[in-house]
Amino acid sequence: MDAIARHDVAFQGVAAAFAEEAALAFGGAAARTLPCHRLEEVFDAVESGAARFGALPIENSLAGPVLPSYDLLAARPLGLVGEVVLRVSHALIAPRGVHFEAIRRVLSHPVALAQCEDFFRKNPQIEAVAAYNTAGAARDVVLANTGDAAAIASSRAADVHGGAVLLRELEDHPQNFTRFLLVAQVGASPPAGAWSAERKTSLIVTLAHRPGTLAAALNVFAERAIDLSKIESRPLRGRPFEYAFFIDLVGDAADPALGDAIREIGVRATTVRLLGSYAALPGSPARSPG
């Protein structure tokens, strides 16, 4: 591994992906970004030192949680050092010269497709086809130029990959935001930037499979007036119908009340893992330039 990472921020996708916008928000306009085909490769890049950080989509305001991201956070030894929320606006992109009436298939990432369900309901002649990335789908559709396929991606993806925008604002609701987390090796500091003053702390907690254990654990935070901003459950492999709980709290683990709560929940829980305390980039939610 190089002493200095060759890239600043790894992301899943290709040029003009929404994840690339998040990577540039985290690292700055001059950041050296590393495109990865799969989310697992983002973690690989950070763990190996090929990239200092990784941009990880964690939830969307319309489609909900990005479940593979939660599973990777649980499985891999990385921490969290920042977050950003991007306004996501989707465009329908086709090869130049292809008209909307000819479109029969639209490719995009499953989360993006889920954000545009109204479009597919209104156009039953068009099949939604899952792809690994929004901008990657736009690139592939333009290169293949089958005459009947388009992609859902940012309008910037059309500019970057040589396509034409047929329709804009395909998302079901204009309040469409995706939250990205910045992953790094444990103990790393976030990149320089105008981070907000408010801090957030994320934990992974597993509990004994008995009545009342989750309520008792959450009461630890309620008793100290600590705001729980999100909780997400994911199944534990090899333990059918048992779950790990991802908990986001407002505050820093170094704060006396929150630190005390984490210690107490550690006594009540089977396991507690502190993913990190971090700040958000200011101004988000904000409209994405895509």
C-alpha atoms as a PDB file:
ATOM      1  CA  MET A   1       0.000   0.000   0.000  1.00  0.00           C
ATOM      2  CA  ASP A   2       1.296   3.465  -0.808  1.00  0.00           C
ATOM      3  CA  ALA A   3       2.098   5.768   2.124  1.00  0.00           C
ATOM      4  CA  ILE A   4      -0.084   8.388   0.435  1.00  0.00           C
ATOM      5  CA  ALA A   5      -3.366   7.325  -1.174  1.00  0.00           C
ATOM      6  CA  ARG A   6      -3.449   7.707  -4.941  1.00  0.00           C
ATOM      7  CA  HIS A   7      -7.053   8.946  -4.792  1.00  0.00           C
ATOM      8  CA  ASP A   8      -8.994  11.176  -2.442  1.00  0.00           C
ATOM      9  CA  VAL A   9     -12.515   9.727  -2.641  1.00  0.00           C
ATOM     10  CA  ALA A  10     -13.759   6.440  -4.123  1.00  0.00           C
ATOM     11  CA  PHE A  11     -17.352   6.167  -5.349  1.00  0.00           C
ATOM     12  CA  GLN A  12     -19.560   3.574  -7.010  1.00  0.00           C
ATOM     13  CA  GLY A  13     -20.328   4.383 -10.637  1.00  0.00           C
ATOM     14  CA  VAL A  14     -18.792   6.295 -13.528  1.00  0.00           C
ATOM     15  CA  ALA A  15     -18.293   9.959 -14.403  1.00  0.00           C
ATOM     16  CA  ALA A  16     -21.431  12.073 -13.782  1.00  0.00           C
ATOM     17  CA  ALA A  17     -22.910   9.599 -11.270  1.00  0.00           C
ATOM     18  CA  PHE A  18     -24.676  11.190  -8.327  1.00  0.00           C
ATOM     19  CA  ALA A  19     -22.118   9.433  -6.130  1.00  0.00           C
ATOM     20  CA  GLU A  20     -19.378  11.308  -8.002  1.00  0.00           C
ATOM     21  CA  GLU A  21     -21.133  14.576  -7.117  1.00  0.00           C
ATOM     22  CA  ALA A  22     -21.062  13.476  -3.481  1.00  0.00           C
ATOM     23  CA  ALA A  23     -17.377  12.558  -3.781  1.00  0.00           C
ATOM     24  CA  LEU A  24     -16.577  16.011  -5.165  1.00  0.00           C
ATOM     25  CA  ALA A  25     -18.662  17.657  -2.450  1.00  0.00           C
ATOM     26  CA  PHE A  26     -16.645  15.777   0.161  1.00  0.00           C
ATOM     27  CA  GLY A  27     -13.231  16.208  -1.401  1.00  0.00           C
ATOM     28  CA  GLY A  28     -13.566  19.509  -3.253  1.00  0.00           C
ATOM     29  CA  ALA A  29     -13.716  20.280  -6.961  1.00  0.00           C
ATOM     30  CA  ALA A  30     -10.081  19.247  -7.445  1.00  0.00           C
ATOM     31  CA  ALA A  31     -10.433  15.924  -5.612  1.00  0.00           C
ATOM     32  CA  ARG A  32      -8.895  12.857  -7.227  1.00  0.00           C
ATOM     33  CA  THR A  33     -11.887  10.534  -7.463  1.00  0.00           C
ATOM     34  CA  LEU A  34     -11.808   6.772  -8.006  1.00  0.00           C
ATOM     35  CA  PRO A  35     -14.794   5.220  -9.854  1.00  0.00           C
ATOM     36  CA  CYS A  36     -15.663   1.683  -8.717  1.00  0.00           C
ATOM     37  CA  HIS A  37     -17.998  -0.825 -10.347  1.00  0.00           C
ATOM     38  CA  ARG A  38     -19.489  -2.118  -7.079  1.00  0.00           C
ATOM     39  CA  LEU A  39     -20.001  -0.717  -3.590  1.00  0.00           C
ATOM     40  CA  GLU A  40     -17.748  -3.468  -2.219  1.00  0.00           C
ATOM     41  CA  GLU A  41     -14.909  -2.039  -4.295  1.00  0.00           C
ATOM     42  CA  VAL A  42     -15.354   1.358  -2.618  1.00  0.00           C
ATOM     43  CA  PHE A  43     -14.675  -0.319   0.724  1.00  0.00           C
ATOM     44  CA  ASP A  44     -11.789  -2.286  -0.786  1.00  0.00           C
ATOM     45  CA  ALA A  45     -10.190   0.936  -2.028  1.00  0.00           C
ATOM     46  CA  VAL A  46     -10.392   2.619   1.373  1.00  0.00           C
ATOM     47  CA  GLU A  47      -9.215  -0.463   3.281  1.00  0.00           C
ATOM     48  CA  SER A  48      -6.234  -0.956   0.968  1.00  0.00           C
ATOM     49  CA  GLY A  49      -5.257   2.706   1.032  1.00  0.00           C
ATOM     50  CA  ALA A  50      -5.920   3.233  -2.688  1.00  0.00           C
ATOM     51  CA  ALA A  51      -8.332   5.991  -1.624  1.00  0.00           C
ATOM     52  CA  ARG A  52      -8.443   8.015   1.584  1.00  0.00           C
ATOM     53  CA  PHE A  53     -12.241   8.073   1.716  1.00  0.00           C
ATOM     54  CA  GLY A  54     -15.311   6.509   0.152  1.00  0.00           C
ATOM     55  CA  ALA A  55     -18.672   8.122  -0.688  1.00  0.00           C
ATOM     56  CA  LEU A  56     -21.475   5.773   0.385  1.00  0.00           C
ATOM     57  CA  PRO A  57     -25.185   6.308  -0.443  1.00  0.00           C
ATOM     58  CA  ILE A  58     -27.151   5.389   2.665  1.00  0.00           C
ATOM     59  CA  GLU A  59     -30.758   6.541   2.130  1.00  0.00           C
ATOM     60  CA  ASN A  60     -33.062   8.338  -0.263  1.00  0.00           C
ATOM     61  CA  SER A  61     -36.027  10.445   0.750  1.00  0.00           C
ATOM     62  CA  LEU A  62     -38.333   8.688  -1.749  1.00  0.00           C
ATOM     63  CA  ALA A  63     -36.956   5.147  -2.112  1.00  0.00           C
ATOM     64  CA  GLY A  64     -35.790   4.670   1.474  1.00  0.00           C
ATOM     65  CA  PRO A  65     -32.622   3.002   2.779  1.00  0.00           C
ATOM     66  CA  VAL A  66     -29.840   1.697   0.537  1.00  0.00           C
ATOM     67  CA  LEU A  67     -29.688  -1.706   2.224  1.00  0.00           C
ATOM     68  CA  PRO A  68     -26.408  -2.981   0.715  1.00  0.00           C
ATOM     69  CA  SER A  69     -24.664   0.040   2.240  1.00  0.00           C
ATOM     70  CA  TYR A  70     -25.875  -0.901   5.717  1.00  0.00           C
ATOM     71  CA  ASP A  71     -24.703  -4.484   5.249  1.00  0.00           C
ATOM     72  CA  LEU A  72     -21.263  -3.328   4.125  1.00  0.00           C
ATOM     73  CA  LEU A  73     -20.936  -0.984   7.095  1.00  0.00           C
ATOM     74  CA  ALA A  74     -21.675  -3.909   9.385  1.00  0.00           C
ATOM     75  CA  ALA A  75     -19.290  -6.303   7.645  1.00  0.00           C
ATOM     76  CA  ARG A  76     -16.283  -4.075   6.993  1.00  0.00           C
ATOM     77  CA  PRO A  77     -13.885  -2.381   9.471  1.00  0.00           C
ATOM     78  CA  LEU A  78     -14.374   1.240   8.397  1.00  0.00           C
ATOM     79  CA  GLY A  79     -15.731   4.263  10.255  1.00  0.00           C
ATOM     80  CA  LEU A  80     -17.734   7.372   9.371  1.00  0.00           C
ATOM     81  CA  VAL A  81     -16.280  10.889   9.205  1.00  0.00           C
ATOM     82  CA  GLY A  82     -18.885  12.991   7.355  1.00  0.00           C
ATOM     83  CA  GLU A  83     -22.165  13.242   5.485  1.00  0.00           C
ATOM     84  CA  VAL A  84     -23.743  15.253   2.701  1.00  0.00           C
ATOM     85  CA  VAL A  85     -27.296  15.364   1.342  1.00  0.00           C
ATOM     86  CA  LEU A  86     -27.753  15.961  -2.389  1.00  0.00           C
ATOM     87  CA  ARG A  87     -30.871  17.045  -4.243  1.00  0.00           C
ATOM     88  CA  VAL A  88     -31.409  14.415  -6.932  1.00  0.00           C
ATOM     89  CA  SER A  89     -33.165  15.261 -10.202  1.00  0.00           C
ATOM     90  CA  HIS A  90     -33.489  12.563 -12.864  1.00  0.00           C
ATOM     91  CA  ALA A  91     -33.494  12.955 -16.632  1.00  0.00           C
ATOM     92  CA  LEU A  92     -34.425  10.523 -19.390  1.00  0.00           C
ATOM     93  CA  ILE A  93     -31.350  10.140 -21.611  1.00  0.00           C
ATOM     94  CA  ALA A  94     -31.186   8.463 -25.035  1.00  0.00           C
ATOM     95  CA  PRO A  95     -28.722   8.370 -27.930  1.00  0.00           C
ATOM     96  CA  ARG A  96     -28.988  11.440 -30.119  1.00  0.00           C
ATOM     97  CA  GLY A  97     -31.634  11.011 -32.781  1.00  0.00           C
ATOM     98  CA  VAL A  98     -33.756   8.562 -30.749  1.00  0.00           C
ATOM     99  CA  HIS A  99     -37.256   9.856 -29.997  1.00  0.00           C
ATOM    100  CA  PHE A 100     -39.360   9.172 -26.918  1.00  0.00           C
ATOM    101  CA  GLU A 101     -42.020   7.276 -28.896  1.00  0.00           C
ATOM    102  CA  ALA A 102     -39.443   4.584 -29.757  1.00  0.00           C
ATOM    103  CA  ILE A 103     -38.358   3.913 -26.162  1.00  0.00           C
ATOM    104  CA  ARG A 104     -39.326   0.494 -24.802  1.00  0.00           C
ATOM    105  CA  ARG A 105     -36.646  -0.068 -22.124  1.00  0.00           C
ATOM    106  CA  VAL A 106     -35.193   2.315 -19.553  1.00  0.00           C
ATOM    107  CA  LEU A 107     -32.068   1.347 -17.619  1.00  0.00           C
ATOM    108  CA  SER A 108     -30.926   2.734 -14.278  1.00  0.00           C
ATOM    109  CA  HIS A 109     -29.882   1.851 -10.758  1.00  0.00           C
ATOM    110  CA  PRO A 110     -32.759   0.169  -8.837  1.00  0.00           C
ATOM    111  CA  VAL A 111     -32.899   3.024  -6.318  1.00  0.00           C
ATOM    112  CA  ALA A 112     -33.242   5.563  -9.145  1.00  0.00           C
ATOM    113  CA  LEU A 113     -35.958   3.461 -10.805  1.00  0.00           C
ATOM    114  CA  ALA A 114     -37.829   3.391  -7.488  1.00  0.00           C
ATOM    115  CA  GLN A 115     -37.720   7.194  -7.382  1.00  0.00           C
ATOM    116  CA  CYS A 116     -39.484   7.386 -10.780  1.00  0.00           C
ATOM    117  CA  GLU A 117     -42.394   4.970 -10.335  1.00  0.00           C
ATOM    118  CA  ASP A 118     -44.973   7.500 -11.528  1.00  0.00           C
ATOM    119  CA  PHE A 119     -43.157   7.773 -14.874  1.00  0.00           C
ATOM    120  CA  PHE A 120     -43.419   4.018 -15.445  1.00  0.00           C
ATOM    121  CA  ARG A 121     -47.076   3.922 -14.353  1.00  0.00           C
ATOM    122  CA  LYS A 122     -47.885   6.599 -16.923  1.00  0.00           C
ATOM    123  CA  ASN A 123     -45.862   4.811 -19.616  1.00  0.00           C
ATOM    124  CA  PRO A 124     -46.711   1.088 -19.325  1.00  0.00           C
ATOM    125  CA  GLN A 125     -45.136   0.410 -22.711  1.00  0.00           C
ATOM    126  CA  ILE A 126     -41.701   1.068 -21.145  1.00  0.00           C
ATOM    127  CA  GLU A 127     -39.918  -1.614 -19.122  1.00  0.00           C
ATOM    128  CA  ALA A 128     -37.732  -0.625 -16.169  1.00  0.00           C
ATOM    129  CA  VAL A 129     -34.393  -2.472 -16.318  1.00  0.00           C
ATOM    130  CA  ALA A 130     -32.005  -2.514 -13.366  1.00  0.00           C
ATOM    131  CA  ALA A 131     -28.396  -1.470 -13.964  1.00  0.00           C
ATOM    132  CA  TYR A 132     -25.462  -1.039 -11.616  1.00  0.00           C
ATOM    133  CA  ASN A 133     -25.293   2.762 -11.864  1.00  0.00           C
ATOM    134  CA  THR A 134     -27.267   5.728 -13.229  1.00  0.00           C
ATOM    135  CA  ALA A 135     -24.482   7.378 -15.218  1.00  0.00           C
ATOM    136  CA  GLY A 136     -23.160   3.960 -16.234  1.00  0.00           C
ATOM    137  CA  ALA A 137     -26.580   3.137 -17.678  1.00  0.00           C
ATOM    138  CA  ALA A 138     -26.541   6.395 -19.661  1.00  0.00           C
ATOM    139  CA  ARG A 139     -23.080   5.624 -21.021  1.00  0.00           C
ATOM    140  CA  ASP A 140     -24.041   2.066 -21.993  1.00  0.00           C
ATOM    141  CA  VAL A 141     -27.307   3.113 -23.649  1.00  0.00           C
ATOM    142  CA  VAL A 142     -25.537   5.749 -25.746  1.00  0.00           C
ATOM    143  CA  LEU A 143     -22.785   3.334 -26.778  1.00  0.00           C
ATOM    144  CA  ALA A 144     -25.205   0.504 -27.660  1.00  0.00           C
ATOM    145  CA  ASN A 145     -27.616   2.800 -29.531  1.00  0.00           C
ATOM    146  CA  THR A 146     -30.221   0.078 -30.024  1.00  0.00           C
ATOM    147  CA  GLY A 147     -32.894   2.619 -30.937  1.00  0.00           C
ATOM    148  CA  ASP A 148     -35.366   1.520 -28.260  1.00  0.00           C
ATOM    149  CA  ALA A 149     -33.451   2.039 -24.984  1.00  0.00           C
ATOM    150  CA  ALA A 150     -32.886   5.031 -22.722  1.00  0.00           C
ATOM    151  CA  ALA A 151     -31.521   5.608 -19.247  1.00  0.00           C
ATOM    152  CA  ILE A 152     -32.446   7.519 -16.122  1.00  0.00           C
ATOM    153  CA  ALA A 153     -29.537   9.586 -14.786  1.00  0.00           C
ATOM    154  CA  SER A 154     -28.506  13.168 -14.121  1.00  0.00           C
ATOM    155  CA  SER A 155     -28.719  15.593 -17.035  1.00  0.00           C
ATOM    156  CA  ARG A 156     -24.947  16.021 -16.596  1.00  0.00           C
ATOM    157  CA  ALA A 157     -24.561  12.361 -17.572  1.00  0.00           C
ATOM    158  CA  ALA A 158     -25.969  13.223 -21.018  1.00  0.00           C
ATOM    159  CA  ASP A 159     -23.339  15.921 -21.458  1.00  0.00           C
ATOM    160  CA  VAL A 160     -20.487  13.701 -20.263  1.00  0.00           C
ATOM    161  CA  HIS A 161     -21.450  10.581 -22.217  1.00  0.00           C
ATOM    162  CA  GLY A 162     -22.795  12.131 -25.409  1.00  0.00           C
ATOM    163  CA  GLY A 163     -26.518  11.513 -25.014  1.00  0.00           C
ATOM    164  CA  ALA A 164     -29.604  13.658 -25.427  1.00  0.00           C
ATOM    165  CA  VAL A 165     -32.052  14.608 -22.669  1.00  0.00           C
ATOM    166  CA  LEU A 166     -35.588  13.635 -23.672  1.00  0.00           C
ATOM    167  CA  LEU A 167     -37.345  14.510 -20.394  1.00  0.00           C
ATOM    168  CA  ARG A 168     -36.349  16.179 -17.136  1.00  0.00           C
ATOM    169  CA  GLU A 169     -37.511  15.902 -13.525  1.00  0.00           C
ATOM    170  CA  LEU A 170     -38.741  12.317 -13.719  1.00  0.00           C
ATOM    171  CA  GLU A 171     -38.602  11.850  -9.930  1.00  0.00           C
ATOM    172  CA  ASP A 172     -41.948  11.232  -8.222  1.00  0.00           C
ATOM    173  CA  HIS A 173     -41.587  14.294  -5.993  1.00  0.00           C
ATOM    174  CA  PRO A 174     -39.324  17.360  -6.189  1.00  0.00           C
ATOM    175  CA  GLN A 175     -38.251  16.798  -2.563  1.00  0.00           C
ATOM    176  CA  ASN A 176     -35.934  13.983  -3.651  1.00  0.00           C
ATOM    177  CA  PHE A 177     -32.691  13.823  -1.672  1.00  0.00           C
ATOM    178  CA  THR A 178     -29.998  11.209  -1.199  1.00  0.00           C
ATOM    179  CA  ARG A 179     -27.862  11.149   1.920  1.00  0.00           C
ATOM    180  CA  PHE A 180     -24.246  10.056   1.467  1.00  0.00           C
ATOM    181  CA  LEU A 181     -21.816   9.093   4.227  1.00  0.00           C
ATOM    182  CA  LEU A 182     -18.035   9.456   4.033  1.00  0.00           C
ATOM    183  CA  VAL A 183     -16.277   6.252   5.096  1.00  0.00           C
ATOM    184  CA  ALA A 184     -12.644   6.115   6.142  1.00  0.00           C
ATOM    185  CA  GLN A 185     -10.228   3.967   8.069  1.00  0.00           C
ATOM    186  CA  VAL A 186     -10.891   4.034  11.813  1.00  0.00           C
ATOM    187  CA  GLY A 187      -9.232   7.034  13.414  1.00  0.00           C
ATOM    188  CA  ALA A 188      -9.006   9.082  10.209  1.00  0.00           C
ATOM    189  CA  SER A 189      -9.889  12.770  10.192  1.00  0.00           C
ATOM    190  CA  PRO A 190     -12.331  14.222   7.642  1.00  0.00           C
ATOM    191  CA  PRO A 191     -11.009  16.286   4.721  1.00  0.00           C
ATOM    192  CA  ALA A 192     -10.719  20.018   5.208  1.00  0.00           C
ATOM    193  CA  GLY A 193     -13.993  21.776   4.532  1.00  0.00           C
ATOM    194  CA  ALA A 194     -16.729  23.997   5.893  1.00  0.00           C
ATOM    195  CA  TRP A 195     -18.369  21.331   8.057  1.00  0.00           C
ATOM    196  CA  SER A 196     -21.431  22.243  10.106  1.00  0.00           C
ATOM    197  CA  ALA A 197     -21.223  22.718  13.866  1.00  0.00           C
ATOM    198  CA  GLU A 198     -23.879  20.078  14.586  1.00  0.00           C
ATOM    199  CA  ARG A 199     -22.541  16.567  15.074  1.00  0.00           C
ATOM    200  CA  LYS A 200     -24.149  13.176  14.579  1.00  0.00           C
ATOM    201  CA  THR A 201     -23.113   9.776  15.985  1.00  0.00           C
ATOM    202  CA  SER A 202     -23.851   6.376  14.417  1.00  0.00           C
ATOM    203  CA  LEU A 203     -23.872   3.025  16.218  1.00  0.00           C
ATOM    204  CA  ILE A 204     -24.543  -0.616  15.363  1.00  0.00           C
ATOM    205  CA  VAL A 205     -26.244  -2.427  18.244  1.00  0.00           C
ATOM    206  CA  THR A 206     -27.235  -6.068  18.659  1.00  0.00           C
ATOM    207  CA  LEU A 207     -29.554  -7.123  21.473  1.00  0.00           C
ATOM    208  CA  ALA A 208     -30.648 -10.305  23.192  1.00  0.00           C
ATOM    209  CA  HIS A 209     -33.725 -11.757  21.510  1.00  0.00           C
ATOM    210  CA  ARG A 210     -36.095 -11.108  24.425  1.00  0.00           C
ATOM    211  CA  PRO A 211     -39.204  -8.947  24.834  1.00  0.00           C
ATOM    212  CA  GLY A 212     -38.467  -5.351  25.728  1.00  0.00           C
ATOM    213  CA  THR A 213     -34.727  -5.283  24.992  1.00  0.00           C
ATOM    214  CA  LEU A 214     -35.002  -2.727  22.177  1.00  0.00           C
ATOM    215  CA  ALA A 215     -37.341  -0.472  24.176  1.00  0.00           C
ATOM    216  CA  ALA A 216     -35.014  -0.613  27.168  1.00  0.00           C
ATOM    217  CA  ALA A 217     -31.993   0.208  25.029  1.00  0.00           C
ATOM    218  CA  LEU A 218     -33.672   3.185  23.357  1.00  0.00           C
ATOM    219  CA  ASN A 219     -34.873   4.471  26.714  1.00  0.00           C
ATOM    220  CA  VAL A 220     -31.216   5.044  27.599  1.00  0.00           C
ATOM    221  CA  PHE A 221     -31.225   7.897  25.074  1.00  0.00           C
ATOM    222  CA  ALA A 222     -34.709   9.171  25.938  1.00  0.00           C
ATOM    223  CA  GLU A 223     -33.760   9.521  29.619  1.00  0.00           C
ATOM    224  CA  ARG A 224     -30.934  11.865  28.636  1.00  0.00           C
ATOM    225  CA  ALA A 225     -32.979  13.857  26.078  1.00  0.00           C
ATOM    226  CA  ILE A 226     -30.727  12.650  23.249  1.00  0.00           C
ATOM    227  CA  ASP A 227     -32.403  12.956  19.837  1.00  0.00           C
ATOM    228  CA  LEU A 228     -32.520   9.675  17.926  1.00  0.00           C
ATOM    229  CA  SER A 229     -32.698  10.762  14.291  1.00  0.00           C
ATOM    230  CA  LYS A 230     -32.884   7.329  12.620  1.00  0.00           C
ATOM    231  CA  ILE A 231     -33.020   3.622  13.366  1.00  0.00           C
ATOM    232  CA  GLU A 232     -32.687   0.881  10.746  1.00  0.00           C
ATOM    233  CA  SER A 233     -32.705  -2.887  11.298  1.00  0.00           C
ATOM    234  CA  ARG A 234     -30.839  -5.482   9.237  1.00  0.00           C
ATOM    235  CA  PRO A 235     -30.966  -9.289   9.636  1.00  0.00           C
ATOM    236  CA  LEU A 236     -28.046 -11.053  11.316  1.00  0.00           C
ATOM    237  CA  ARG A 237     -26.585 -13.759   9.109  1.00  0.00           C
ATOM    238  CA  GLY A 238     -26.776 -17.195  10.678  1.00  0.00           C
ATOM    239  CA  ARG A 239     -29.290 -16.007  13.290  1.00  0.00           C
ATOM    240  CA  PRO A 240     -32.740 -16.196  11.652  1.00  0.00           C
ATOM    241  CA  PHE A 241     -35.130 -13.370  12.583  1.00  0.00           C
ATOM    242  CA  GLU A 242     -32.579 -11.580  14.745  1.00  0.00           C
ATOM    243  CA  TYR A 243     -31.343  -8.136  13.801  1.00  0.00           C
ATOM    244  CA  ALA A 244     -28.622  -5.549  14.069  1.00  0.00           C
ATOM    245  CA  PHE A 245     -29.888  -2.012  14.699  1.00  0.00           C
ATOM    246  CA  PHE A 246     -28.221   0.982  13.077  1.00  0.00           C
ATOM    247  CA  ILE A 247     -28.864   4.036  15.244  1.00  0.00           C
ATOM    248  CA  ASP A 248     -28.156   7.678  14.360  1.00  0.00           C
ATOM    249  CA  LEU A 249     -28.053  10.123  17.268  1.00  0.00           C
ATOM    250  CA  VAL A 250     -27.711  13.898  17.358  1.00  0.00           C
ATOM    251  CA  GLY A 251     -24.532  14.777  19.234  1.00  0.00           C
ATOM    252  CA  ASP A 252     -20.925  13.674  19.581  1.00  0.00           C
ATOM    253  CA  ALA A 253     -19.760  10.553  21.395  1.00  0.00           C
ATOM    254  CA  ALA A 254     -17.368  12.832  23.294  1.00  0.00           C
ATOM    255  CA  ASP A 255     -20.326  14.731  24.803  1.00  0.00           C
ATOM    256  CA  PRO A 256     -20.773  13.655  28.458  1.00  0.00           C
ATOM    257  CA  ALA A 257     -24.462  12.707  28.141  1.00  0.00           C
ATOM    258  CA  LEU A 258     -24.074  10.805  24.879  1.00  0.00           C
ATOM    259  CA  GLY A 259     -20.864   9.136  25.989  1.00  0.00           C
ATOM    260  CA  ASP A 260     -22.579   8.005  29.182  1.00  0.00           C
ATOM    261  CA  ALA A 261     -25.544   6.684  27.193  1.00  0.00           C
ATOM    262  CA  ILE A 262     -23.264   4.678  24.895  1.00  0.00           C
ATOM    263  CA  ARG A 263     -21.539   3.127  27.909  1.00  0.00           C
ATOM    264  CA  GLU A 264     -24.877   2.189  29.466  1.00  0.00           C
ATOM    265  CA  ILE A 265     -26.272   0.716  26.270  1.00  0.00           C
ATOM    266  CA  GLY A 266     -23.063  -1.305  26.064  1.00  0.00           C
ATOM    267  CA  VAL A 267     -24.073  -2.991  29.321  1.00  0.00           C
ATOM    268  CA  ARG A 268     -27.607  -3.685  28.099  1.00  0.00           C
ATOM    269  CA  ALA A 269     -26.733  -4.785  24.550  1.00  0.00           C
ATOM    270  CA  THR A 270     -25.036  -7.901  23.220  1.00  0.00           C
ATOM    271  CA  THR A 271     -22.664  -5.791  21.117  1.00  0.00           C
ATOM    272  CA  VAL A 272     -22.185  -2.086  20.432  1.00  0.00           C
ATOM    273  CA  ARG A 273     -20.004  -0.710  17.653  1.00  0.00           C
ATOM    274  CA  LEU A 274     -19.355   3.005  17.338  1.00  0.00           C
ATOM    275  CA  LEU A 275     -19.161   3.842  13.627  1.00  0.00           C
ATOM    276  CA  GLY A 276     -18.159   7.426  14.342  1.00  0.00           C
ATOM    277  CA  SER A 277     -19.171  10.953  15.220  1.00  0.00           C
ATOM    278  CA  TYR A 278     -19.210  13.353  12.281  1.00  0.00           C
ATOM    279  CA  ALA A 279     -20.577  16.573  10.818  1.00  0.00           C
ATOM    280  CA  ALA A 280     -22.460  17.357   7.626  1.00  0.00           C
ATOM    281  CA  LEU A 281     -21.461  19.694   4.859  1.00  0.00           C
ATOM    282  CA  PRO A 282     -23.481  22.883   5.279  1.00  0.00           C
ATOM    283  CA  GLY A 283     -26.240  23.871   2.918  1.00  0.00           C
ATOM    284  CA  SER A 284     -27.623  20.372   2.407  1.00  0.00           C
ATOM    285  CA  PRO A 285     -30.235  19.494   1.403  1.00  0.00           C
ATOM    286  CA  ALA A 286     -29.297  21.488  -1.662  1.00  0.00           C
ATOM    287  CA  ARG A 287     -30.080  21.145  -5.336  1.00  0.00           C
ATOM    288  CA  SER A 288     -27.652  18.926  -7.171  1.00  0.00           C
ATOM    289  CA  PRO A 289     -26.094  20.463 -10.288  1.00  0.00           C
ATOM    290  CA  GLY A 290     -27.095  17.291 -12.165  1.00  0.00           C
END
